[in-house]
Amino acid sequence: TCVVDQLTGAWNRHAMHSKLVQELERMIRNKQSCSICMLDIDHFKHVNDSLGHIAGDQVLQAVVQFITAQLRKYDSIFRYGGEEFLLCLPNTTDTEAEPILNRLRANLEKLVIPLHDGKTISVTASFGVTVMSINKSIEETITMADHALLSAKANGRNNVCIWKV
């Protein structure tokens, strides 16, 4: 089975579920935290609509390369769908994740992405984070991170919102 998203090189949703199961088991065994973050590229539809799908693809690739380079070796990025990604941050509480994600967010905003036609673009992203819990299924945890993401968008986008368990 293919476990990598062909366009971006991020892990795909198939790989995501098995990785999150492993992290939940490790978290329980080692009594450590693990944060899950949903991130969404702000106004991505506008990129596709105004610059075309090739430019949109280049933005997705650049964002994944950028985030991957900023993450720790044991963190993971998964393409959740479209312009939405899920980050898995092992050994990290939601409180510890917030400054990490804010740094990522601020640095992403400064990133200049070259496009195929010689133009450049910059994008922002919204982040919703929560911590995994032994009392919640992986699906429930992802839903909580998604609720936090919706709050980040509702608060003007380009920010980080924590969903407290």
C-alpha atoms as a PDB file:
ATOM      1  CA  THR A   1       0.000   0.000   0.000  1.00  0.00           C
ATOM      2  CA  CYS A   2       1.227   3.485  -0.832  1.00  0.00           C
ATOM      3  CA  VAL A   3       1.829   5.545   2.317  1.00  0.00           C
ATOM      4  CA  VAL A   4       3.137   8.785   0.797  1.00  0.00           C
ATOM      5  CA  ASP A   5       1.095  11.519  -0.866  1.00  0.00           C
ATOM      6  CA  GLN A   6       2.479  11.663  -4.418  1.00  0.00           C
ATOM      7  CA  LEU A   7       2.134  15.421  -4.829  1.00  0.00           C
ATOM      8  CA  THR A   8       3.594  16.687  -1.564  1.00  0.00           C
ATOM      9  CA  GLY A   9       5.750  13.854  -0.239  1.00  0.00           C
ATOM     10  CA  ALA A  10       3.921  14.039   3.108  1.00  0.00           C
ATOM     11  CA  TRP A  11       2.588  10.821   4.626  1.00  0.00           C
ATOM     12  CA  ASN A  12      -0.964  10.089   3.457  1.00  0.00           C
ATOM     13  CA  ARG A  13      -4.088   9.325   5.506  1.00  0.00           C
ATOM     14  CA  HIS A  14      -3.480   5.584   5.279  1.00  0.00           C
ATOM     15  CA  ALA A  15      -0.097   6.002   6.974  1.00  0.00           C
ATOM     16  CA  MET A  16      -1.554   8.540   9.417  1.00  0.00           C
ATOM     17  CA  HIS A  17      -3.884   6.123  11.168  1.00  0.00           C
ATOM     18  CA  SER A  18      -1.234   3.473  11.861  1.00  0.00           C
ATOM     19  CA  LYS A  19       1.269   6.126  12.994  1.00  0.00           C
ATOM     20  CA  LEU A  20      -1.257   7.698  15.378  1.00  0.00           C
ATOM     21  CA  VAL A  21      -2.113   4.262  16.813  1.00  0.00           C
ATOM     22  CA  GLN A  22       1.631   3.702  17.431  1.00  0.00           C
ATOM     23  CA  GLU A  23       1.978   7.124  19.070  1.00  0.00           C
ATOM     24  CA  LEU A  24      -1.047   6.536  21.312  1.00  0.00           C
ATOM     25  CA  GLU A  25       0.430   3.195  22.438  1.00  0.00           C
ATOM     26  CA  ARG A  26       3.843   4.804  23.052  1.00  0.00           C
ATOM     27  CA  MET A  27       2.210   7.684  24.928  1.00  0.00           C
ATOM     28  CA  ILE A  28       0.402   5.263  27.250  1.00  0.00           C
ATOM     29  CA  ARG A  29       3.498   3.080  27.735  1.00  0.00           C
ATOM     30  CA  ASN A  30       5.875   5.982  28.447  1.00  0.00           C
ATOM     31  CA  LYS A  31       3.321   8.206  30.198  1.00  0.00           C
ATOM     32  CA  GLN A  32       4.197  11.087  27.854  1.00  0.00           C
ATOM     33  CA  SER A  33       2.072  13.559  25.934  1.00  0.00           C
ATOM     34  CA  CYS A  34       1.476  13.698  22.215  1.00  0.00           C
ATOM     35  CA  SER A  35      -0.093  16.675  20.471  1.00  0.00           C
ATOM     36  CA  ILE A  36      -2.074  16.523  17.249  1.00  0.00           C
ATOM     37  CA  CYS A  37      -2.371  19.611  15.085  1.00  0.00           C
ATOM     38  CA  MET A  38      -4.605  20.264  12.109  1.00  0.00           C
ATOM     39  CA  LEU A  39      -3.311  22.966   9.802  1.00  0.00           C
ATOM     40  CA  ASP A  40      -5.003  24.542   6.851  1.00  0.00           C
ATOM     41  CA  ILE A  41      -3.458  26.895   4.295  1.00  0.00           C
ATOM     42  CA  ASP A  42      -5.506  30.102   4.494  1.00  0.00           C
ATOM     43  CA  HIS A  43      -7.516  31.129   1.403  1.00  0.00           C
ATOM     44  CA  PHE A  44      -6.008  28.302  -0.666  1.00  0.00           C
ATOM     45  CA  LYS A  45      -9.003  28.236  -3.042  1.00  0.00           C
ATOM     46  CA  HIS A  46      -8.053  31.784  -4.038  1.00  0.00           C
ATOM     47  CA  VAL A  47      -4.549  30.550  -5.010  1.00  0.00           C
ATOM     48  CA  ASN A  48      -6.016  27.868  -7.295  1.00  0.00           C
ATOM     49  CA  ASP A  49      -8.687  30.180  -8.701  1.00  0.00           C
ATOM     50  CA  SER A  50      -6.422  33.163  -9.398  1.00  0.00           C
ATOM     51  CA  LEU A  51      -3.084  31.492 -10.240  1.00  0.00           C
ATOM     52  CA  GLY A  52      -4.131  28.017 -11.430  1.00  0.00           C
ATOM     53  CA  HIS A  53      -3.725  24.486 -10.143  1.00  0.00           C
ATOM     54  CA  ILE A  54      -0.042  24.205 -11.098  1.00  0.00           C
ATOM     55  CA  ALA A  55       0.689  27.155  -8.793  1.00  0.00           C
ATOM     56  CA  GLY A  56      -1.553  25.583  -6.134  1.00  0.00           C
ATOM     57  CA  ASP A  57       0.419  22.347  -6.373  1.00  0.00           C
ATOM     58  CA  GLN A  58       3.687  24.272  -6.043  1.00  0.00           C
ATOM     59  CA  VAL A  59       2.363  26.009  -2.910  1.00  0.00           C
ATOM     60  CA  LEU A  60       1.362  22.671  -1.356  1.00  0.00           C
ATOM     61  CA  GLN A  61       4.795  21.187  -2.136  1.00  0.00           C
ATOM     62  CA  ALA A  62       6.649  24.234  -0.776  1.00  0.00           C
ATOM     63  CA  VAL A  63       4.600  24.321   2.434  1.00  0.00           C
ATOM     64  CA  VAL A  64       5.218  20.618   3.122  1.00  0.00           C
ATOM     65  CA  GLN A  65       8.962  20.956   2.413  1.00  0.00           C
ATOM     66  CA  PHE A  66       9.148  24.006   4.660  1.00  0.00           C
ATOM     67  CA  ILE A  67       7.245  22.434   7.558  1.00  0.00           C
ATOM     68  CA  THR A  68       9.134  19.141   7.278  1.00  0.00           C
ATOM     69  CA  ALA A  69      12.434  21.031   7.517  1.00  0.00           C
ATOM     70  CA  GLN A  70      11.202  22.867  10.658  1.00  0.00           C
ATOM     71  CA  LEU A  71       9.906  19.789  12.501  1.00  0.00           C
ATOM     72  CA  ARG A  72      11.913  17.536  14.778  1.00  0.00           C
ATOM     73  CA  LYS A  73      13.060  14.170  13.381  1.00  0.00           C
ATOM     74  CA  TYR A  74      10.362  12.273  15.283  1.00  0.00           C
ATOM     75  CA  ASP A  75       7.483  14.621  14.359  1.00  0.00           C
ATOM     76  CA  SER A  76       5.276  13.699  11.388  1.00  0.00           C
ATOM     77  CA  ILE A  77       3.264  15.535   8.761  1.00  0.00           C
ATOM     78  CA  PHE A  78       0.339  13.903   6.960  1.00  0.00           C
ATOM     79  CA  ARG A  79      -1.742  15.205   4.086  1.00  0.00           C
ATOM     80  CA  TYR A  80      -5.240  15.051   5.500  1.00  0.00           C
ATOM     81  CA  GLY A  81      -6.923  16.275   2.340  1.00  0.00           C
ATOM     82  CA  GLY A  82      -6.771  19.198  -0.065  1.00  0.00           C
ATOM     83  CA  GLU A  83      -4.809  21.938   1.699  1.00  0.00           C
ATOM     84  CA  GLU A  84      -5.277  20.414   5.165  1.00  0.00           C
ATOM     85  CA  PHE A  85      -2.458  18.670   6.976  1.00  0.00           C
ATOM     86  CA  LEU A  86      -2.154  16.881  10.292  1.00  0.00           C
ATOM     87  CA  LEU A  87       0.967  17.173  12.423  1.00  0.00           C
ATOM     88  CA  CYS A  88       1.850  14.629  15.082  1.00  0.00           C
ATOM     89  CA  LEU A  89       4.149  16.026  17.797  1.00  0.00           C
ATOM     90  CA  PRO A  90       5.223  13.237  20.184  1.00  0.00           C
ATOM     91  CA  ASN A  91       6.433  14.008  23.711  1.00  0.00           C
ATOM     92  CA  THR A  92       4.731  17.413  23.473  1.00  0.00           C
ATOM     93  CA  THR A  93       1.874  18.843  25.521  1.00  0.00           C
ATOM     94  CA  ASP A  94      -0.538  21.267  23.896  1.00  0.00           C
ATOM     95  CA  THR A  95       1.057  24.066  25.940  1.00  0.00           C
ATOM     96  CA  GLU A  96       4.508  23.083  24.632  1.00  0.00           C
ATOM     97  CA  ALA A  97       3.145  22.764  21.089  1.00  0.00           C
ATOM     98  CA  GLU A  98       1.736  26.300  20.987  1.00  0.00           C
ATOM     99  CA  PRO A  99       5.071  28.194  20.745  1.00  0.00           C
ATOM    100  CA  ILE A 100       6.430  25.595  18.300  1.00  0.00           C
ATOM    101  CA  LEU A 101       3.394  26.056  16.057  1.00  0.00           C
ATOM    102  CA  ASN A 102       3.447  29.834  16.426  1.00  0.00           C
ATOM    103  CA  ARG A 103       7.084  29.848  15.287  1.00  0.00           C
ATOM    104  CA  LEU A 104       6.150  27.631  12.318  1.00  0.00           C
ATOM    105  CA  ARG A 105       3.210  29.912  11.513  1.00  0.00           C
ATOM    106  CA  ALA A 106       5.294  33.112  11.689  1.00  0.00           C
ATOM    107  CA  ASN A 107       8.116  31.633   9.598  1.00  0.00           C
ATOM    108  CA  LEU A 108       5.676  30.269   7.013  1.00  0.00           C
ATOM    109  CA  GLU A 109       4.189  33.750   6.607  1.00  0.00           C
ATOM    110  CA  LYS A 110       7.683  35.043   5.663  1.00  0.00           C
ATOM    111  CA  LEU A 111       8.346  32.230   3.170  1.00  0.00           C
ATOM    112  CA  VAL A 112       8.513  33.395  -0.447  1.00  0.00           C
ATOM    113  CA  ILE A 113       7.386  30.585  -2.746  1.00  0.00           C
ATOM    114  CA  PRO A 114       8.653  30.750  -6.359  1.00  0.00           C
ATOM    115  CA  LEU A 115       6.075  29.728  -8.960  1.00  0.00           C
ATOM    116  CA  HIS A 116       6.516  28.143 -12.416  1.00  0.00           C
ATOM    117  CA  ASP A 117       5.759  31.417 -14.206  1.00  0.00           C
ATOM    118  CA  GLY A 118       8.469  33.394 -12.398  1.00  0.00           C
ATOM    119  CA  LYS A 119       6.037  34.993  -9.950  1.00  0.00           C
ATOM    120  CA  THR A 120       6.218  34.435  -6.213  1.00  0.00           C
ATOM    121  CA  ILE A 121       3.570  34.033  -3.539  1.00  0.00           C
ATOM    122  CA  SER A 122       3.400  33.970   0.240  1.00  0.00           C
ATOM    123  CA  VAL A 123       0.748  32.137   2.234  1.00  0.00           C
ATOM    124  CA  THR A 124      -0.412  31.882   5.815  1.00  0.00           C
ATOM    125  CA  ALA A 125      -1.930  28.969   7.696  1.00  0.00           C
ATOM    126  CA  SER A 126      -4.272  28.385  10.605  1.00  0.00           C
ATOM    127  CA  PHE A 127      -3.427  25.792  13.251  1.00  0.00           C
ATOM    128  CA  GLY A 128      -5.661  23.851  15.654  1.00  0.00           C
ATOM    129  CA  VAL A 129      -3.978  21.716  18.298  1.00  0.00           C
ATOM    130  CA  THR A 130      -5.058  19.311  21.000  1.00  0.00           C
ATOM    131  CA  VAL A 131      -3.390  16.599  23.032  1.00  0.00           C
ATOM    132  CA  MET A 132      -4.059  12.879  22.623  1.00  0.00           C
ATOM    133  CA  SER A 133      -5.819  11.218  25.536  1.00  0.00           C
ATOM    134  CA  ILE A 134      -6.214   7.599  26.561  1.00  0.00           C
ATOM    135  CA  ASN A 135      -9.905   8.436  27.128  1.00  0.00           C
ATOM    136  CA  LYS A 136     -10.473   9.531  23.532  1.00  0.00           C
ATOM    137  CA  SER A 137     -10.309   7.659  20.252  1.00  0.00           C
ATOM    138  CA  ILE A 138      -7.922   8.890  17.561  1.00  0.00           C
ATOM    139  CA  GLU A 139     -10.967  10.029  15.557  1.00  0.00           C
ATOM    140  CA  GLU A 140     -12.249  12.063  18.535  1.00  0.00           C
ATOM    141  CA  THR A 141      -8.811  13.625  18.984  1.00  0.00           C
ATOM    142  CA  ILE A 142      -8.653  14.603  15.305  1.00  0.00           C
ATOM    143  CA  THR A 143     -12.157  16.092  15.614  1.00  0.00           C
ATOM    144  CA  MET A 144     -11.019  18.190  18.601  1.00  0.00           C
ATOM    145  CA  ALA A 145      -7.977  19.421  16.650  1.00  0.00           C
ATOM    146  CA  ASP A 146     -10.326  20.239  13.769  1.00  0.00           C
ATOM    147  CA  HIS A 147     -12.601  22.225  16.128  1.00  0.00           C
ATOM    148  CA  ALA A 148      -9.528  24.158  17.284  1.00  0.00           C
ATOM    149  CA  LEU A 149      -8.640  24.788  13.624  1.00  0.00           C
ATOM    150  CA  LEU A 150     -12.152  26.142  12.988  1.00  0.00           C
ATOM    151  CA  SER A 151     -11.693  28.460  15.985  1.00  0.00           C
ATOM    152  CA  ALA A 152      -8.339  29.646  14.601  1.00  0.00           C
ATOM    153  CA  LYS A 153     -10.051  30.448  11.290  1.00  0.00           C
ATOM    154  CA  ALA A 154     -12.965  32.169  13.037  1.00  0.00           C
ATOM    155  CA  ASN A 155     -10.427  34.304  14.944  1.00  0.00           C
ATOM    156  CA  GLY A 156      -9.088  35.815  11.717  1.00  0.00           C
ATOM    157  CA  ARG A 157      -6.887  32.971  10.407  1.00  0.00           C
ATOM    158  CA  ASN A 158      -3.067  32.839  10.579  1.00  0.00           C
ATOM    159  CA  ASN A 159      -3.087  31.856  14.235  1.00  0.00           C
ATOM    160  CA  VAL A 160      -2.868  28.902  16.596  1.00  0.00           C
ATOM    161  CA  CYS A 161      -5.781  27.736  18.717  1.00  0.00           C
ATOM    162  CA  ILE A 162      -5.661  25.033  21.432  1.00  0.00           C
ATOM    163  CA  TRP A 163      -8.610  22.738  22.142  1.00  0.00           C
ATOM    164  CA  LYS A 164      -8.351  21.810  25.816  1.00  0.00           C
ATOM    165  CA  VAL A 165      -9.263  18.208  26.646  1.00  0.00           C
END
